[in-house]
Amino acid sequence: MKNKIIPQLTILLTMFVLCSAAPPAHARTILKSICRLKGQEENTLQGLGIVVGLKGTGDGSSFLPTLRSLEKVMKVMGEPLGRKSIDEIKDTKNVALVTVTATIPASGARQGDKIDCVVSSIGSAKSLSGGRLFLTALVGPDRTNPRIYAFAEGPITLDDPSITNSGRVFEGCRLEEDFFNAFIKDRKITLVLDKNHADFQVAQDIAELINSQLSVQTGGAPLARAMNQVNIEVFIPPQYRDDPVLFVSQVLNLPILEPQTAPRVVINERAGSIVISGDVEIGAAVVSHKNIVVETGNAGNARPFVPVNSADPSAPKLKALVETLNALHVATPDVIEIIKGLDRNGRLHAQLIIE
């Protein structure tokens, strides 16, 4: 019996898309939507603690660090063990050694404030469900000069029942120090662009905006200077030295056209999403994937075709290509592979980000 030969289905697409004759209407935003003040960052406190009250799901005798930590706790509590201290507590199964972390918000916090803390097992404990965090000291990130900033304790709640070796103590961390995040240095503030808007042109545009709107308060002398693609330094005028918050609020609420950063294509393969910023262009190429042949631009085709718009064959758009593939019911994983192929071949004129 002869094998049947099924010819491969070939779809030839040539994408020619013009930009609209009218310039796009750019949305406006305010500076605090795309940048923050230097000094206004989150702080992380951390410590090593013990969870007690577990229902036989603790570390047990197989994890010696837990037994040694329990021995130290009992000594501090006035109940030191005998010579064979480890042997006396080796059958303990309701205790687990954990890391404890708490995040101080960028806006700071005051002594006595209570915030959530996260507890994670580092031993062989099967579950922290039903346990209670024993009083634990939390220190800052500077290990050369450790300093206690807070104490944490309380019942543990599992955020996700399927993840039993990590949980949360709601408002279980009580601060022992004030956290005031300074944002002024040498009579100036520094604006920090977020990573998705970091760009030399955007930084320069922000500096020019501040100078055009606020330098009248200094007789025309410039206040702002872009240091690089991320940081913009802004001097505080003399009349605001005693009230810098008012000046900062004016700066952060200045309206600006939506920043035009470098084109990007963000792909989340797990979710199957493709996000294309602006009019991302693609170069001339022929991509063959499974039963699809995609031709973009003047790639030297030899077959008849009907172009979508032949007025500007030198600047085909990725958006048009993706829309056409979707109209042909091409699976999202195949579309993603085609975009990757364009990028590997140097035909994707944008930054490709794979999440």
Protein backbone atom coordinates (compact mmCIF):
# COMPACT_ATOMS: atom_id res chain seq x y z
CA MET A 1 0.00 0.00 0.00
CA LYS A 2 1.43 3.31 -1.01
CA ASN A 3 1.78 6.01 1.59
CA LYS A 4 -0.39 9.02 0.99
CA ILE A 5 1.54 12.23 0.76
CA ILE A 6 -0.38 15.17 2.21
CA PRO A 7 1.09 18.44 0.93
CA GLN A 8 1.99 20.91 3.65
CA LEU A 9 -0.47 23.77 3.90
CA THR A 10 1.39 26.97 3.23
CA ILE A 11 -0.02 30.36 4.03
CA LEU A 12 1.92 33.21 2.51
CA LEU A 13 1.45 36.51 4.27
CA THR A 14 3.06 39.80 3.39
CA MET A 15 2.44 42.51 5.93
CA PHE A 16 2.59 46.12 4.83
CA VAL A 17 0.96 48.52 7.30
CA LEU A 18 1.09 52.30 7.28
CA CYS A 19 0.98 54.45 10.35
CA SER A 20 -2.11 56.65 10.54
CA ALA A 21 -1.77 59.94 8.77
CA ALA A 22 -2.70 61.80 11.93
CA PRO A 23 -0.18 61.66 14.79
CA PRO A 24 -1.32 59.54 17.73
CA ALA A 25 -2.89 61.39 20.63
CA HIS A 26 -0.59 60.77 23.55
CA ALA A 27 -2.13 60.46 26.97
CA ARG A 28 -0.94 62.63 29.81
CA THR A 29 0.22 61.48 33.21
CA ILE A 30 1.94 63.02 36.24
CA LEU A 31 5.53 62.56 37.34
CA LYS A 32 4.76 60.52 40.44
CA SER A 33 3.21 57.87 38.18
CA ILE A 34 6.55 57.12 36.53
CA CYS A 35 9.16 57.98 39.16
CA ARG A 36 9.80 58.09 42.89
CA LEU A 37 11.96 60.02 45.33
CA LYS A 38 15.37 58.62 46.12
CA GLY A 39 15.42 57.66 49.78
CA GLN A 40 11.80 56.53 49.74
CA GLU A 41 12.49 52.80 49.54
CA GLU A 42 11.22 49.77 51.38
CA ASN A 43 13.36 48.31 54.18
CA THR A 44 13.47 44.62 55.04
CA LEU A 45 13.93 43.30 58.57
CA GLN A 46 14.84 39.70 59.16
CA GLY A 47 15.48 37.20 61.91
CA LEU A 48 15.70 33.55 62.79
CA GLY A 49 12.97 32.20 65.03
CA ILE A 50 11.16 29.15 66.32
CA VAL A 51 7.59 28.07 65.66
CA VAL A 52 6.01 26.08 68.49
CA GLY A 53 2.71 24.31 68.94
CA LEU A 54 2.83 22.20 65.77
CA LYS A 55 0.87 18.95 65.67
CA GLY A 56 3.81 16.61 65.16
CA THR A 57 4.80 18.29 61.88
CA GLY A 58 7.97 20.03 63.15
CA ASP A 59 11.61 19.41 62.31
CA GLY A 60 12.09 16.55 64.77
CA SER A 61 15.49 15.09 65.68
CA SER A 62 16.77 15.04 62.09
CA PHE A 63 17.53 18.77 62.02
CA LEU A 64 20.08 19.65 64.70
CA PRO A 65 20.00 23.47 64.21
CA THR A 66 16.41 23.45 65.49
CA LEU A 67 17.39 21.51 68.60
CA ARG A 68 20.32 23.85 69.31
CA SER A 69 18.07 26.91 68.83
CA LEU A 70 15.48 25.42 71.18
CA GLU A 71 18.23 24.78 73.72
CA LYS A 72 19.28 28.45 73.59
CA VAL A 73 15.68 29.64 73.97
CA MET A 74 15.16 27.48 77.04
CA LYS A 75 18.39 28.80 78.53
CA VAL A 76 17.30 32.42 77.98
CA MET A 77 13.92 31.62 79.53
CA GLY A 78 15.64 30.36 82.68
CA GLU A 79 15.25 26.66 82.01
CA PRO A 80 18.72 25.47 80.96
CA LEU A 81 19.08 21.84 79.99
CA GLY A 82 21.50 19.37 81.52
CA ARG A 83 24.73 17.99 80.13
CA LYS A 84 23.01 15.86 77.55
CA SER A 85 20.87 18.76 76.43
CA ILE A 86 20.29 17.62 72.85
CA ASP A 87 19.29 14.16 73.99
CA GLU A 88 16.67 15.63 76.32
CA ILE A 89 14.81 17.36 73.47
CA LYS A 90 15.62 15.11 70.52
CA ASP A 91 12.08 13.72 70.33
CA THR A 92 10.51 17.15 70.04
CA LYS A 93 8.30 17.20 66.95
CA ASN A 94 6.18 20.28 67.55
CA VAL A 95 8.97 22.83 66.91
CA ALA A 96 10.36 24.21 63.64
CA LEU A 97 13.21 26.59 62.82
CA VAL A 98 12.06 29.44 60.54
CA THR A 99 13.18 32.65 58.91
CA VAL A 100 11.10 35.72 59.72
CA THR A 101 10.96 38.77 57.44
CA ALA A 102 9.03 42.03 57.64
CA THR A 103 8.92 44.85 55.09
CA ILE A 104 8.84 48.49 56.19
CA PRO A 105 6.93 50.52 53.57
CA ALA A 106 8.68 53.22 51.56
CA SER A 107 6.71 55.87 53.42
CA GLY A 108 8.31 54.76 56.70
CA ALA A 109 6.74 53.74 60.01
CA ARG A 110 6.66 54.78 63.65
CA GLN A 111 7.71 53.04 66.84
CA GLY A 112 4.87 50.86 68.05
CA ASP A 113 3.39 50.28 64.60
CA LYS A 114 2.42 46.69 63.82
CA ILE A 115 3.00 45.16 60.39
CA ASP A 116 2.71 41.69 58.90
CA CYS A 117 5.66 39.33 58.85
CA VAL A 118 6.33 36.26 56.72
CA VAL A 119 7.51 33.00 58.27
CA SER A 120 9.24 30.28 56.22
CA SER A 121 10.56 26.92 57.37
CA ILE A 122 14.24 26.17 56.72
CA GLY A 123 14.29 22.68 58.21
CA SER A 124 12.41 19.45 57.62
CA ALA A 125 9.06 20.58 59.01
CA LYS A 126 6.12 19.20 57.05
CA SER A 127 3.70 21.96 57.97
CA LEU A 128 3.52 25.21 59.97
CA SER A 129 -0.27 25.03 60.20
CA GLY A 130 -1.53 25.67 63.71
CA GLY A 131 1.86 26.87 64.94
CA ARG A 132 2.79 30.05 66.77
CA LEU A 133 5.91 32.10 66.22
CA PHE A 134 7.91 32.43 69.42
CA LEU A 135 9.14 35.97 70.23
CA THR A 136 11.81 36.74 67.61
CA ALA A 137 14.15 39.73 67.31
CA LEU A 138 14.36 41.27 63.82
CA VAL A 139 17.44 43.14 62.63
CA GLY A 140 18.29 45.27 59.59
CA PRO A 141 20.30 44.18 56.54
CA ASP A 142 23.62 45.47 57.93
CA ARG A 143 25.26 42.33 59.29
CA THR A 144 28.47 44.14 60.28
CA ASN A 145 26.55 46.16 62.86
CA PRO A 146 23.38 44.20 63.70
CA ARG A 147 20.70 46.24 65.41
CA ILE A 148 17.30 45.12 66.65
CA TYR A 149 14.52 47.15 65.03
CA ALA A 150 11.48 45.04 65.88
CA PHE A 151 10.12 41.95 67.61
CA ALA A 152 7.75 39.46 66.01
CA GLU A 153 5.43 36.83 67.48
CA GLY A 154 1.95 35.42 67.03
CA PRO A 155 -0.17 32.70 65.39
CA ILE A 156 0.69 31.64 61.85
CA THR A 157 -1.83 31.73 59.02
CA LEU A 158 -1.13 29.91 55.75
CA ASP A 159 -1.57 32.20 52.74
CA ASP A 160 -1.96 29.19 50.47
CA PRO A 161 -3.19 25.91 52.01
CA SER A 162 -1.20 24.00 49.39
CA ILE A 163 2.05 25.61 50.60
CA THR A 164 2.37 24.43 54.19
CA ASN A 165 5.98 25.40 54.96
CA SER A 166 5.39 29.16 54.69
CA GLY A 167 2.85 31.46 56.34
CA ARG A 168 2.13 34.90 57.71
CA VAL A 169 1.66 36.47 61.12
CA PHE A 170 -0.82 39.32 60.66
CA GLU A 171 0.40 42.45 62.47
CA GLY A 172 2.85 40.18 64.24
CA CYS A 173 5.84 42.52 63.96
CA ARG A 174 6.00 45.42 66.41
CA LEU A 175 8.51 48.16 65.59
CA GLU A 176 10.92 49.35 68.25
CA GLU A 177 12.41 52.15 66.12
CA ASP A 178 11.07 55.01 64.03
CA PHE A 179 11.67 54.77 60.30
CA PHE A 180 11.95 58.20 58.70
CA ASN A 181 13.26 57.86 55.16
CA ALA A 182 15.23 61.00 54.35
CA PHE A 183 14.66 62.31 50.82
CA ILE A 184 16.70 65.53 50.92
CA LYS A 185 20.48 65.63 50.53
CA ASP A 186 22.61 68.73 49.97
CA ARG A 187 19.44 70.83 49.50
CA LYS A 188 18.23 68.79 46.58
CA ILE A 189 16.01 65.82 45.81
CA THR A 190 16.57 63.07 43.27
CA LEU A 191 13.80 61.66 41.12
CA VAL A 192 14.28 58.01 40.17
CA LEU A 193 12.52 56.73 37.06
CA ASP A 194 10.97 53.29 37.39
CA LYS A 195 12.62 50.53 35.38
CA ASN A 196 9.90 50.49 32.72
CA HIS A 197 10.38 54.19 31.93
CA ALA A 198 14.16 54.50 32.39
CA ASP A 199 15.42 56.26 29.27
CA PHE A 200 17.85 59.10 28.52
CA GLN A 201 15.26 61.06 26.54
CA VAL A 202 12.59 60.62 29.20
CA ALA A 203 14.99 61.83 31.91
CA GLN A 204 15.90 64.87 29.81
CA ASP A 205 12.24 65.63 29.11
CA ILE A 206 11.46 65.57 32.83
CA ALA A 207 14.35 67.91 33.63
CA GLU A 208 13.18 70.35 30.94
CA LEU A 209 9.59 70.14 32.20
CA ILE A 210 10.61 71.02 35.76
CA ASN A 211 12.80 73.89 34.58
CA SER A 212 10.07 75.31 32.34
CA GLN A 213 7.38 75.11 35.03
CA LEU A 214 9.21 75.91 38.26
CA SER A 215 12.42 77.81 37.47
CA VAL A 216 10.42 81.06 37.53
CA GLN A 217 10.68 80.74 41.31
CA THR A 218 14.47 81.08 41.02
CA GLY A 219 14.51 83.92 38.51
CA GLY A 220 14.97 81.57 35.56
CA ALA A 221 17.91 79.62 36.96
CA PRO A 222 17.49 75.90 36.13
CA LEU A 223 16.49 73.66 39.01
CA ALA A 224 16.68 70.20 37.44
CA ARG A 225 19.39 68.24 35.66
CA ALA A 226 19.23 64.73 34.22
CA MET A 227 22.18 62.76 35.59
CA ASN A 228 21.59 59.63 33.50
CA GLN A 229 18.68 57.58 32.14
CA VAL A 230 17.34 56.96 35.66
CA ASN A 231 18.14 59.89 37.97
CA ILE A 232 17.12 63.56 37.78
CA GLU A 233 18.50 65.94 40.41
CA VAL A 234 16.29 68.85 41.46
CA PHE A 235 17.50 71.73 43.66
CA ILE A 236 15.06 73.02 46.26
CA PRO A 237 14.50 76.80 45.89
CA PRO A 238 15.40 78.88 48.97
CA GLN A 239 11.76 79.77 49.66
CA TYR A 240 10.96 76.05 50.10
CA ARG A 241 13.88 75.11 52.35
CA ASP A 242 11.61 75.25 55.41
CA ASP A 243 8.73 73.52 53.64
CA PRO A 244 10.26 70.97 51.23
CA VAL A 245 7.13 68.79 51.23
CA LEU A 246 5.19 71.52 49.43
CA PHE A 247 7.88 71.76 46.76
CA VAL A 248 8.08 67.98 46.33
CA SER A 249 4.30 67.76 45.93
CA GLN A 250 4.43 70.40 43.19
CA VAL A 251 7.18 68.55 41.35
CA LEU A 252 5.57 65.11 41.54
CA ASN A 253 2.20 66.43 40.35
CA LEU A 254 3.54 68.12 37.22
CA PRO A 255 1.68 66.81 34.14
CA ILE A 256 3.74 65.26 31.35
CA LEU A 257 2.97 63.56 28.07
CA GLU A 258 3.09 59.79 28.31
CA PRO A 259 6.81 58.94 27.96
CA GLN A 260 7.84 57.41 24.65
CA THR A 261 10.38 54.80 25.68
CA ALA A 262 12.16 52.31 23.46
CA PRO A 263 9.74 49.83 21.82
CA ARG A 264 9.23 46.59 23.73
CA VAL A 265 7.53 43.26 23.22
CA VAL A 266 6.66 41.48 26.48
CA ILE A 267 5.76 37.79 26.29
CA ASN A 268 4.41 35.75 29.19
CA GLU A 269 4.58 32.19 27.95
CA ARG A 270 2.79 30.75 30.98
CA ALA A 271 -0.22 33.06 30.55
CA GLY A 272 0.03 33.06 26.77
CA SER A 273 0.02 36.86 26.55
CA ILE A 274 1.81 39.16 24.10
CA VAL A 275 2.03 42.89 24.86
CA ILE A 276 3.38 45.13 22.11
CA SER A 277 4.26 48.74 22.91
CA GLY A 278 3.70 51.36 20.23
CA ASP A 279 4.23 50.61 16.55
CA VAL A 280 6.92 47.95 16.77
CA GLU A 281 8.43 47.44 13.34
CA ILE A 282 9.84 44.24 11.89
CA GLY A 283 12.34 43.83 9.09
CA ALA A 284 12.08 41.87 5.87
CA ALA A 285 12.18 38.14 6.60
CA VAL A 286 10.63 34.82 5.76
CA VAL A 287 9.69 32.69 8.77
CA SER A 288 8.63 29.08 8.27
CA HIS A 289 6.95 27.49 11.27
CA LYS A 290 5.06 24.20 11.11
CA ASN A 291 2.55 24.62 8.27
CA ILE A 292 2.86 28.40 8.09
CA VAL A 293 5.21 30.51 5.99
CA VAL A 294 5.24 34.17 6.97
CA GLU A 295 6.86 36.80 4.79
CA THR A 296 7.36 40.34 6.05
CA GLY A 297 8.47 43.30 3.99
CA ASN A 298 10.29 42.90 0.69
CA ALA A 299 11.80 39.51 1.42
CA GLY A 300 12.01 38.56 -2.23
CA ASN A 301 8.83 36.53 -2.54
CA ALA A 302 8.24 34.57 -5.68
CA ARG A 303 4.56 33.79 -5.21
CA PRO A 304 1.48 35.88 -5.92
CA PHE A 305 -0.05 37.58 -2.91
CA VAL A 306 -2.41 40.36 -1.96
CA PRO A 307 -0.73 42.85 0.41
CA VAL A 308 -2.66 44.35 3.30
CA ASN A 309 -1.27 47.77 2.45
CA SER A 310 1.52 48.12 -0.07
CA ALA A 311 2.02 51.86 0.36
CA ASP A 312 4.90 51.45 2.80
CA PRO A 313 6.54 48.04 2.37
CA SER A 314 9.67 49.19 4.22
CA ALA A 315 8.00 49.42 7.64
CA PRO A 316 5.77 46.41 8.37
CA LYS A 317 4.31 46.36 11.88
CA LEU A 318 4.45 43.48 14.34
CA LYS A 319 0.94 44.32 15.53
CA ALA A 320 -0.46 43.72 12.05
CA LEU A 321 1.37 40.42 11.76
CA VAL A 322 0.04 39.19 15.11
CA GLU A 323 -3.50 40.29 14.28
CA THR A 324 -3.39 38.45 10.95
CA LEU A 325 -2.05 35.28 12.57
CA ASN A 326 -4.81 35.47 15.16
CA ALA A 327 -7.40 35.88 12.41
CA LEU A 328 -6.08 32.66 10.87
CA HIS A 329 -6.47 30.93 14.27
CA VAL A 330 -2.75 30.36 14.68
CA ALA A 331 -2.12 29.07 18.20
CA THR A 332 -0.56 31.54 20.63
CA PRO A 333 2.53 29.33 21.27
CA ASP A 334 3.17 29.35 17.50
CA VAL A 335 2.81 33.14 17.35
CA ILE A 336 5.30 33.43 20.22
CA GLU A 337 7.77 31.16 18.42
CA ILE A 338 7.49 33.28 15.26
CA ILE A 339 8.22 36.45 17.25
CA LYS A 340 11.22 34.74 18.85
CA GLY A 341 12.45 33.73 15.41
CA LEU A 342 12.22 37.32 14.18
CA ASP A 343 14.18 38.46 17.23
CA ARG A 344 16.91 35.83 16.78
CA ASN A 345 17.26 36.85 13.14
CA GLY A 346 17.61 40.53 14.04
CA ARG A 347 14.31 41.41 12.36
CA LEU A 348 12.41 42.45 15.46
CA HIS A 349 13.13 46.14 15.96
CA ALA A 350 12.28 46.19 19.68
CA GLN A 351 13.45 44.79 23.00
CA LEU A 352 12.03 41.31 23.57
CA ILE A 353 11.23 40.50 27.21
CA ILE A 354 10.31 36.92 28.11
CA GLU A 355 8.59 36.53 31.49
